[in-house]
Amino acid sequence: MINLQRAKQQGFTLIELMIVVAIIGILAAVALPAYQDYTIRARVAEGMVAAAAARTVVTENAANGQAFALGFEAPVASDNVTDVDVSDAGLITVTFTARAGGGTIIFTPDPVLAVGTPPDSSIQWDCAGGDLAQKYRPSNCRSAP
């Protein structure tokens, strides 16, 4: 007697495997740019830490009526941050390398500071200035749309 029963299919067909590969490719094409933005944002965080130290120095010097940059030593340049600068007006400029977005963030004190005149209220910092792309900035440093 001839056995006419068909064998059950085992495994996947070539078409099914190609569909899975195509779906994975589409997901990767969407995920990689988002991952790169997150990587740059993490690098920008290094500059935010450096700016925090500068803000402390400026705040203490303003409260004591001294020059804002007195006692501030800019951190050594790194792979992500090339410079942190404190101006005579109390502005803090953080300059980033191309790896970290290649721009600047400027921290502006509020109220406006004057050397020799301690501020009447606590200093609030606005970091929306500078030319670093909005998508790389921390959320509190993005300008309103």
Protein backbone atom coordinates (compact mmCIF):
# COMPACT_ATOMS: atom_id res chain seq x y z
CA MET A 1 0.00 0.00 0.00
CA ILE A 2 1.12 3.47 -0.82
CA ASN A 3 1.03 5.98 2.00
CA LEU A 4 -0.58 9.10 0.57
CA GLN A 5 -0.49 11.13 3.75
CA ARG A 6 1.41 14.35 3.40
CA ALA A 7 4.23 15.13 5.76
CA LYS A 8 3.58 18.06 8.08
CA GLN A 9 5.50 21.22 7.27
CA GLN A 10 8.39 21.85 9.62
CA GLY A 11 10.25 25.14 9.89
CA PHE A 12 9.61 28.40 8.10
CA THR A 13 9.36 29.17 4.43
CA LEU A 14 11.73 31.57 2.76
CA ILE A 15 8.97 34.17 2.40
CA GLU A 16 8.20 34.08 6.12
CA LEU A 17 11.87 34.56 6.99
CA MET A 18 12.18 37.46 4.55
CA ILE A 19 9.16 39.17 6.12
CA VAL A 20 10.73 38.88 9.58
CA VAL A 21 14.03 40.29 8.30
CA ALA A 22 12.20 43.20 6.64
CA ILE A 23 10.33 44.03 9.86
CA ILE A 24 13.58 43.98 11.86
CA GLY A 25 15.20 46.24 9.25
CA ILE A 26 12.39 48.79 9.47
CA LEU A 27 12.55 48.81 13.27
CA ALA A 28 16.32 49.30 13.18
CA ALA A 29 16.00 52.18 10.70
CA VAL A 30 13.69 53.98 13.12
CA ALA A 31 15.57 53.13 16.33
CA LEU A 32 19.14 54.03 15.33
CA PRO A 33 18.60 57.80 14.82
CA ALA A 34 16.72 58.02 18.11
CA TYR A 35 19.53 56.16 19.87
CA GLN A 36 22.11 58.55 18.41
CA ASP A 37 20.16 61.57 19.73
CA TYR A 38 20.04 60.01 23.19
CA THR A 39 23.78 59.39 23.06
CA ILE A 40 24.46 63.05 22.25
CA ARG A 41 22.08 64.18 25.00
CA ALA A 42 24.04 62.06 27.46
CA ARG A 43 27.24 63.79 26.34
CA VAL A 44 25.60 67.20 26.83
CA ALA A 45 24.93 66.19 30.44
CA GLU A 46 28.67 66.44 31.09
CA GLY A 47 28.55 70.13 30.21
CA MET A 48 25.55 70.64 32.47
CA VAL A 49 27.56 69.28 35.42
CA ALA A 50 30.44 71.62 34.61
CA ALA A 51 27.99 74.53 34.41
CA ALA A 52 26.56 73.63 37.84
CA ALA A 53 29.99 74.21 39.39
CA ALA A 54 30.29 77.55 37.59
CA ARG A 55 26.79 78.60 38.72
CA THR A 56 27.77 77.92 42.34
CA VAL A 57 30.88 80.10 42.03
CA VAL A 58 28.95 82.95 40.35
CA THR A 59 26.16 82.79 42.95
CA GLU A 60 28.59 82.89 45.89
CA ASN A 61 30.61 85.72 44.36
CA ALA A 62 27.46 87.72 43.57
CA ALA A 63 26.25 87.33 47.16
CA ASN A 64 29.62 88.60 48.43
CA GLY A 65 29.81 91.48 45.92
CA GLN A 66 32.93 90.11 44.21
CA ALA A 67 33.89 89.59 40.57
CA PHE A 68 31.82 86.69 39.24
CA ALA A 69 34.72 84.61 37.90
CA LEU A 70 36.80 84.97 41.07
CA GLY A 71 38.05 81.52 42.09
CA PHE A 72 36.55 79.76 39.07
CA GLU A 73 38.83 77.38 37.22
CA ALA A 74 37.49 76.13 33.93
CA PRO A 75 37.53 72.34 33.70
CA VAL A 76 40.00 70.64 31.42
CA ALA A 77 38.62 70.11 27.92
CA SER A 78 37.19 66.66 27.35
CA ASP A 79 35.82 64.64 24.45
CA ASN A 80 32.45 66.37 24.95
CA VAL A 81 33.09 69.84 26.40
CA THR A 82 35.76 72.18 25.06
CA ASP A 83 35.24 75.16 27.38
CA VAL A 84 33.22 76.60 30.26
CA ASP A 85 33.51 80.38 30.51
CA VAL A 86 32.20 82.90 33.05
CA SER A 87 31.80 86.43 31.65
CA ASP A 88 32.11 89.73 33.51
CA ALA A 89 28.28 89.95 33.49
CA GLY A 90 27.88 86.54 35.14
CA LEU A 91 26.88 84.68 31.98
CA ILE A 92 28.14 81.10 31.81
CA THR A 93 28.87 79.68 28.35
CA VAL A 94 29.42 75.96 27.86
CA THR A 95 30.93 75.02 24.50
CA PHE A 96 30.46 71.46 23.25
CA THR A 97 32.51 69.42 20.79
CA ALA A 98 31.06 68.00 17.59
CA ARG A 99 30.54 64.65 19.38
CA ALA A 100 28.16 66.41 21.77
CA GLY A 101 26.21 68.44 19.24
CA GLY A 102 28.80 71.11 18.41
CA GLY A 103 27.19 74.21 19.90
CA THR A 104 26.88 76.27 23.05
CA ILE A 105 24.48 76.67 25.95
CA ILE A 106 24.45 80.03 27.69
CA PHE A 107 23.25 80.29 31.30
CA THR A 108 21.80 83.70 32.11
CA PRO A 109 21.18 84.78 35.72
CA ASP A 110 17.89 86.37 36.78
CA PRO A 111 17.94 89.01 38.21
CA VAL A 112 20.64 90.69 36.15
CA LEU A 113 23.83 90.79 38.21
CA ALA A 114 26.14 93.73 38.79
CA VAL A 115 29.60 93.34 40.33
CA GLY A 116 29.69 94.80 43.82
CA THR A 117 25.92 94.73 44.28
CA PRO A 118 24.54 91.59 45.92
CA PRO A 119 21.21 90.50 44.40
CA ASP A 120 18.01 91.21 46.36
CA SER A 121 16.57 87.75 45.69
CA SER A 122 17.79 84.26 44.89
CA ILE A 123 19.33 83.78 41.48
CA GLN A 124 17.40 81.74 38.92
CA TRP A 125 19.24 80.46 35.86
CA ASP A 126 17.85 80.41 32.32
CA CYS A 127 19.71 78.10 29.95
CA ALA A 128 17.71 78.59 26.74
CA GLY A 129 20.46 80.73 25.18
CA GLY A 130 23.16 79.48 22.84
CA ASP A 131 23.09 77.65 19.55
CA LEU A 132 23.04 73.97 20.57
CA ALA A 133 20.22 72.19 18.73
CA GLN A 134 16.99 71.96 20.75
CA LYS A 135 16.78 68.18 20.43
CA TYR A 136 20.10 67.77 22.29
CA ARG A 137 19.29 70.08 25.20
CA PRO A 138 17.87 69.00 28.53
CA SER A 139 14.14 69.71 28.68
CA ASN A 140 14.55 72.66 31.05
CA CYS A 141 16.96 74.33 28.58
CA ARG A 142 14.73 74.23 25.52
CA SER A 143 13.19 77.46 24.32
CA ALA A 144 9.41 77.62 24.05
CA PRO A 145 8.10 76.71 20.57
